[in-house]
Amino acid sequence: MRKIIIPYHGEITIKNVIFDINGTIQFKGHISEELVQKFEELKKFYNIFLVSSDTRGNLKNIAKKLGVNFKKVNTQGINDAEAKNNELKKLGKEVTVAVGNGNNDALMLKNAILGIAILGSEGASTRSILNSDVVFTDVINAIEFLLDEKTMISTLRS
């Protein structure tokens, strides 16, 4: 957990980070070894969760490789965006960062203490970008941002 004071913005506390997987941490079904290493660093500060509709069917395997908790969203009676946002609410939207790229991530990106969109090789929806506080072209850069308090301050200060 980290408490960060951002000038002219206020203090934020980050306890959890939720990552979408498709187009966010995996691209066409693959994750890099560099990502595995960066997750090890990130886990020293935050509780990490993967939340996904599991389009490629490999959510469980990726979570195991990264050593993190995961949730395949249950979309009974609600759409994927609402289901992901419900997972954010369970963790506490006031202490949870959301990272994603798709339309079904836009609501959690908007409601999280900090929303990070990834505009990677699989693209990002306009809704996700507009509902985010920060946009990166690579998830590694987003993780490095979360690891470096000074970078977060310089990007988020008003």
C-alpha atoms as a PDB file:
ATOM      1  CA  MET A   1       0.000   0.000   0.000  1.00  0.00           C
ATOM      2  CA  ARG A   2       1.159   3.499  -0.797  1.00  0.00           C
ATOM      3  CA  LYS A   3      -0.030   6.944   0.215  1.00  0.00           C
ATOM      4  CA  ILE A   4       0.968   9.623  -2.225  1.00  0.00           C
ATOM      5  CA  ILE A   5       0.455  13.355  -1.859  1.00  0.00           C
ATOM      6  CA  ILE A   6      -0.076  14.951  -5.247  1.00  0.00           C
ATOM      7  CA  PRO A   7       0.220  18.755  -5.256  1.00  0.00           C
ATOM      8  CA  TYR A   8      -3.066  20.540  -5.979  1.00  0.00           C
ATOM      9  CA  HIS A   9      -4.772  17.170  -6.352  1.00  0.00           C
ATOM     10  CA  GLY A  10      -4.674  15.688  -2.856  1.00  0.00           C
ATOM     11  CA  GLU A  11      -3.597  12.508  -1.146  1.00  0.00           C
ATOM     12  CA  ILE A  12      -4.360   9.152  -2.701  1.00  0.00           C
ATOM     13  CA  THR A  13      -3.974   5.736  -1.122  1.00  0.00           C
ATOM     14  CA  ILE A  14      -3.375   2.778  -3.407  1.00  0.00           C
ATOM     15  CA  LYS A  15      -3.834  -0.689  -1.976  1.00  0.00           C
ATOM     16  CA  ASN A  16      -4.886  -2.730  -5.023  1.00  0.00           C
ATOM     17  CA  VAL A  17      -4.330  -2.809  -8.771  1.00  0.00           C
ATOM     18  CA  ILE A  18      -6.781  -4.538 -11.121  1.00  0.00           C
ATOM     19  CA  PHE A  19      -5.525  -5.496 -14.566  1.00  0.00           C
ATOM     20  CA  ASP A  20      -7.594  -6.563 -17.538  1.00  0.00           C
ATOM     21  CA  ILE A  21      -5.670  -9.163 -19.527  1.00  0.00           C
ATOM     22  CA  ASN A  22      -6.582  -9.103 -23.242  1.00  0.00           C
ATOM     23  CA  GLY A  23      -4.851  -6.199 -24.946  1.00  0.00           C
ATOM     24  CA  THR A  24      -3.624  -4.936 -21.579  1.00  0.00           C
ATOM     25  CA  ILE A  25      -1.051  -7.412 -20.237  1.00  0.00           C
ATOM     26  CA  GLN A  26      -1.261 -10.083 -22.926  1.00  0.00           C
ATOM     27  CA  PHE A  27      -1.137  -9.573 -26.637  1.00  0.00           C
ATOM     28  CA  LYS A  28      -2.538 -12.300 -28.872  1.00  0.00           C
ATOM     29  CA  GLY A  29      -2.342 -14.724 -25.972  1.00  0.00           C
ATOM     30  CA  HIS A  30       1.226 -14.045 -24.862  1.00  0.00           C
ATOM     31  CA  ILE A  31       2.841 -12.309 -21.891  1.00  0.00           C
ATOM     32  CA  SER A  32       6.500 -11.349 -21.782  1.00  0.00           C
ATOM     33  CA  GLU A  33       9.102 -12.474 -19.266  1.00  0.00           C
ATOM     34  CA  GLU A  34       9.737  -8.784 -18.572  1.00  0.00           C
ATOM     35  CA  LEU A  35       6.090  -8.489 -17.496  1.00  0.00           C
ATOM     36  CA  VAL A  36       6.495 -11.428 -15.103  1.00  0.00           C
ATOM     37  CA  GLN A  37       9.498  -9.685 -13.523  1.00  0.00           C
ATOM     38  CA  LYS A  38       7.680  -6.337 -13.274  1.00  0.00           C
ATOM     39  CA  PHE A  39       4.721  -7.991 -11.555  1.00  0.00           C
ATOM     40  CA  GLU A  40       7.124  -9.344  -8.917  1.00  0.00           C
ATOM     41  CA  GLU A  41       8.205  -5.765  -8.191  1.00  0.00           C
ATOM     42  CA  LEU A  42       4.625  -4.492  -8.184  1.00  0.00           C
ATOM     43  CA  LYS A  43       3.483  -7.170  -5.703  1.00  0.00           C
ATOM     44  CA  LYS A  44       5.878  -5.727  -3.116  1.00  0.00           C
ATOM     45  CA  PHE A  45       3.649  -2.639  -2.862  1.00  0.00           C
ATOM     46  CA  TYR A  46       0.144  -3.611  -3.983  1.00  0.00           C
ATOM     47  CA  ASN A  47      -2.358  -6.459  -4.047  1.00  0.00           C
ATOM     48  CA  ILE A  48      -2.693  -7.462  -7.693  1.00  0.00           C
ATOM     49  CA  PHE A  49      -5.820  -8.874  -9.330  1.00  0.00           C
ATOM     50  CA  LEU A  50      -6.599  -9.938 -12.868  1.00  0.00           C
ATOM     51  CA  VAL A  51     -10.191  -9.476 -13.978  1.00  0.00           C
ATOM     52  CA  SER A  52     -11.305 -10.598 -17.395  1.00  0.00           C
ATOM     53  CA  SER A  53     -14.059 -11.937 -19.581  1.00  0.00           C
ATOM     54  CA  ASP A  54     -11.382 -14.516 -20.513  1.00  0.00           C
ATOM     55  CA  THR A  55     -11.827 -14.241 -24.277  1.00  0.00           C
ATOM     56  CA  ARG A  56      -8.787 -16.450 -24.963  1.00  0.00           C
ATOM     57  CA  GLY A  57      -9.504 -18.915 -22.153  1.00  0.00           C
ATOM     58  CA  ASN A  58      -6.111 -18.548 -20.477  1.00  0.00           C
ATOM     59  CA  LEU A  59      -6.895 -16.300 -17.482  1.00  0.00           C
ATOM     60  CA  LYS A  60      -6.159 -18.990 -14.897  1.00  0.00           C
ATOM     61  CA  ASN A  61      -2.809 -19.906 -16.490  1.00  0.00           C
ATOM     62  CA  ILE A  62      -1.699 -16.270 -16.714  1.00  0.00           C
ATOM     63  CA  ALA A  63      -2.675 -15.612 -13.095  1.00  0.00           C
ATOM     64  CA  LYS A  64      -0.708 -18.680 -12.018  1.00  0.00           C
ATOM     65  CA  LYS A  65       2.367 -17.601 -14.001  1.00  0.00           C
ATOM     66  CA  LEU A  66       2.186 -14.104 -12.458  1.00  0.00           C
ATOM     67  CA  GLY A  67       1.356 -15.400  -8.970  1.00  0.00           C
ATOM     68  CA  VAL A  68      -1.733 -13.203  -8.571  1.00  0.00           C
ATOM     69  CA  ASN A  69      -5.441 -13.554  -7.830  1.00  0.00           C
ATOM     70  CA  PHE A  70      -7.917 -13.602 -10.690  1.00  0.00           C
ATOM     71  CA  LYS A  71     -11.621 -13.332 -11.368  1.00  0.00           C
ATOM     72  CA  LYS A  72     -13.435 -14.344 -14.510  1.00  0.00           C
ATOM     73  CA  VAL A  73     -16.298 -11.903 -14.529  1.00  0.00           C
ATOM     74  CA  ASN A  74     -19.721 -13.370 -14.036  1.00  0.00           C
ATOM     75  CA  THR A  75     -21.957 -11.672 -16.537  1.00  0.00           C
ATOM     76  CA  GLN A  76     -25.238 -13.249 -15.550  1.00  0.00           C
ATOM     77  CA  GLY A  77     -27.798 -10.526 -16.065  1.00  0.00           C
ATOM     78  CA  ILE A  78     -25.241  -7.737 -16.509  1.00  0.00           C
ATOM     79  CA  ASN A  79     -22.727  -6.762 -19.155  1.00  0.00           C
ATOM     80  CA  ASP A  80     -18.964  -7.243 -18.810  1.00  0.00           C
ATOM     81  CA  ALA A  81     -18.320  -3.575 -17.993  1.00  0.00           C
ATOM     82  CA  GLU A  82     -20.730  -3.683 -15.036  1.00  0.00           C
ATOM     83  CA  ALA A  83     -19.294  -7.004 -13.864  1.00  0.00           C
ATOM     84  CA  LYS A  84     -15.737  -5.620 -13.877  1.00  0.00           C
ATOM     85  CA  ASN A  85     -16.898  -2.488 -12.088  1.00  0.00           C
ATOM     86  CA  ASN A  86     -18.521  -4.692  -9.431  1.00  0.00           C
ATOM     87  CA  GLU A  87     -15.129  -6.332  -8.814  1.00  0.00           C
ATOM     88  CA  LEU A  88     -13.621  -2.865  -8.414  1.00  0.00           C
ATOM     89  CA  LYS A  89     -16.308  -1.966  -5.862  1.00  0.00           C
ATOM     90  CA  LYS A  90     -15.604  -5.157  -3.877  1.00  0.00           C
ATOM     91  CA  LEU A  91     -11.934  -4.197  -3.557  1.00  0.00           C
ATOM     92  CA  GLY A  92     -12.739  -0.556  -2.777  1.00  0.00           C
ATOM     93  CA  LYS A  93     -12.712   1.892  -5.660  1.00  0.00           C
ATOM     94  CA  GLU A  94     -11.175   4.553  -3.395  1.00  0.00           C
ATOM     95  CA  VAL A  95      -7.989   2.462  -2.947  1.00  0.00           C
ATOM     96  CA  THR A  96      -7.811   0.557  -6.239  1.00  0.00           C
ATOM     97  CA  VAL A  97      -6.133   1.412  -9.544  1.00  0.00           C
ATOM     98  CA  ALA A  98      -7.673  -0.075 -12.697  1.00  0.00           C
ATOM     99  CA  VAL A  99      -5.672  -0.865 -15.853  1.00  0.00           C
ATOM    100  CA  GLY A 100      -7.387  -1.789 -19.112  1.00  0.00           C
ATOM    101  CA  ASN A 101      -7.978  -1.040 -22.765  1.00  0.00           C
ATOM    102  CA  GLY A 102     -11.430  -2.162 -23.900  1.00  0.00           C
ATOM    103  CA  ASN A 103     -14.988  -0.893 -23.794  1.00  0.00           C
ATOM    104  CA  ASN A 104     -15.682  -3.352 -20.999  1.00  0.00           C
ATOM    105  CA  ASP A 105     -12.899  -1.699 -18.931  1.00  0.00           C
ATOM    106  CA  ALA A 106     -14.152   1.885 -19.323  1.00  0.00           C
ATOM    107  CA  LEU A 107     -16.466   1.889 -16.293  1.00  0.00           C
ATOM    108  CA  MET A 108     -13.867   0.546 -13.861  1.00  0.00           C
ATOM    109  CA  LEU A 109     -11.266   2.955 -15.287  1.00  0.00           C
ATOM    110  CA  LYS A 110     -13.637   5.844 -14.645  1.00  0.00           C
ATOM    111  CA  ASN A 111     -14.518   4.790 -11.085  1.00  0.00           C
ATOM    112  CA  ALA A 112     -11.114   3.687  -9.779  1.00  0.00           C
ATOM    113  CA  ILE A 113      -8.950   6.009  -7.682  1.00  0.00           C
ATOM    114  CA  LEU A 114      -6.734   6.041 -10.770  1.00  0.00           C
ATOM    115  CA  GLY A 115      -7.608   4.719 -14.225  1.00  0.00           C
ATOM    116  CA  ILE A 116      -4.798   3.705 -16.586  1.00  0.00           C
ATOM    117  CA  ALA A 117      -5.525   2.912 -20.230  1.00  0.00           C
ATOM    118  CA  ILE A 118      -3.114   0.859 -22.312  1.00  0.00           C
ATOM    119  CA  LEU A 119      -3.007   1.788 -25.988  1.00  0.00           C
ATOM    120  CA  GLY A 120      -0.987  -1.208 -27.109  1.00  0.00           C
ATOM    121  CA  SER A 121      -0.734  -3.265 -30.260  1.00  0.00           C
ATOM    122  CA  GLU A 122      -4.346  -4.462 -29.886  1.00  0.00           C
ATOM    123  CA  GLY A 123      -5.558  -0.865 -29.564  1.00  0.00           C
ATOM    124  CA  ALA A 124      -7.779   0.776 -26.970  1.00  0.00           C
ATOM    125  CA  SER A 125     -11.377   1.872 -27.073  1.00  0.00           C
ATOM    126  CA  THR A 126     -12.144   5.573 -27.092  1.00  0.00           C
ATOM    127  CA  ARG A 127     -14.308   5.077 -23.991  1.00  0.00           C
ATOM    128  CA  SER A 128     -11.405   3.574 -22.079  1.00  0.00           C
ATOM    129  CA  ILE A 129      -9.072   6.382 -23.047  1.00  0.00           C
ATOM    130  CA  LEU A 130     -11.598   9.095 -22.164  1.00  0.00           C
ATOM    131  CA  ASN A 131     -12.369   7.463 -18.799  1.00  0.00           C
ATOM    132  CA  SER A 132      -8.692   7.182 -17.813  1.00  0.00           C
ATOM    133  CA  ASP A 133      -6.431   9.485 -15.860  1.00  0.00           C
ATOM    134  CA  VAL A 134      -3.287   8.330 -17.678  1.00  0.00           C
ATOM    135  CA  VAL A 135      -2.639   6.540 -20.987  1.00  0.00           C
ATOM    136  CA  PHE A 136       0.420   4.415 -21.797  1.00  0.00           C
ATOM    137  CA  THR A 137       1.418   2.609 -24.972  1.00  0.00           C
ATOM    138  CA  ASP A 138       2.981  -0.249 -23.025  1.00  0.00           C
ATOM    139  CA  VAL A 139       1.926  -1.998 -19.819  1.00  0.00           C
ATOM    140  CA  ILE A 140       5.566  -2.095 -18.661  1.00  0.00           C
ATOM    141  CA  ASN A 141       5.584   1.725 -18.633  1.00  0.00           C
ATOM    142  CA  ALA A 142       2.324   1.717 -16.663  1.00  0.00           C
ATOM    143  CA  ILE A 143       3.841  -0.623 -14.065  1.00  0.00           C
ATOM    144  CA  GLU A 144       6.973   1.520 -13.819  1.00  0.00           C
ATOM    145  CA  PHE A 145       4.675   4.532 -13.280  1.00  0.00           C
ATOM    146  CA  LEU A 146       2.994   2.725 -10.366  1.00  0.00           C
ATOM    147  CA  LEU A 147       6.392   1.832  -8.910  1.00  0.00           C
ATOM    148  CA  ASP A 148       7.802   5.376  -9.045  1.00  0.00           C
ATOM    149  CA  GLU A 149       6.044   7.835  -6.739  1.00  0.00           C
ATOM    150  CA  LYS A 150       7.859  10.845  -8.259  1.00  0.00           C
ATOM    151  CA  THR A 151       6.664   9.949 -11.748  1.00  0.00           C
ATOM    152  CA  MET A 152       3.106   9.627 -10.480  1.00  0.00           C
ATOM    153  CA  ILE A 153       3.325  13.016  -8.815  1.00  0.00           C
ATOM    154  CA  SER A 154       4.770  14.749 -11.859  1.00  0.00           C
ATOM    155  CA  THR A 155       2.113  13.284 -14.164  1.00  0.00           C
ATOM    156  CA  LEU A 156      -0.926  13.807 -11.921  1.00  0.00           C
ATOM    157  CA  ARG A 157      -0.222  17.162 -10.272  1.00  0.00           C
ATOM    158  CA  SER A 158      -2.434  20.078 -11.277  1.00  0.00           C
END
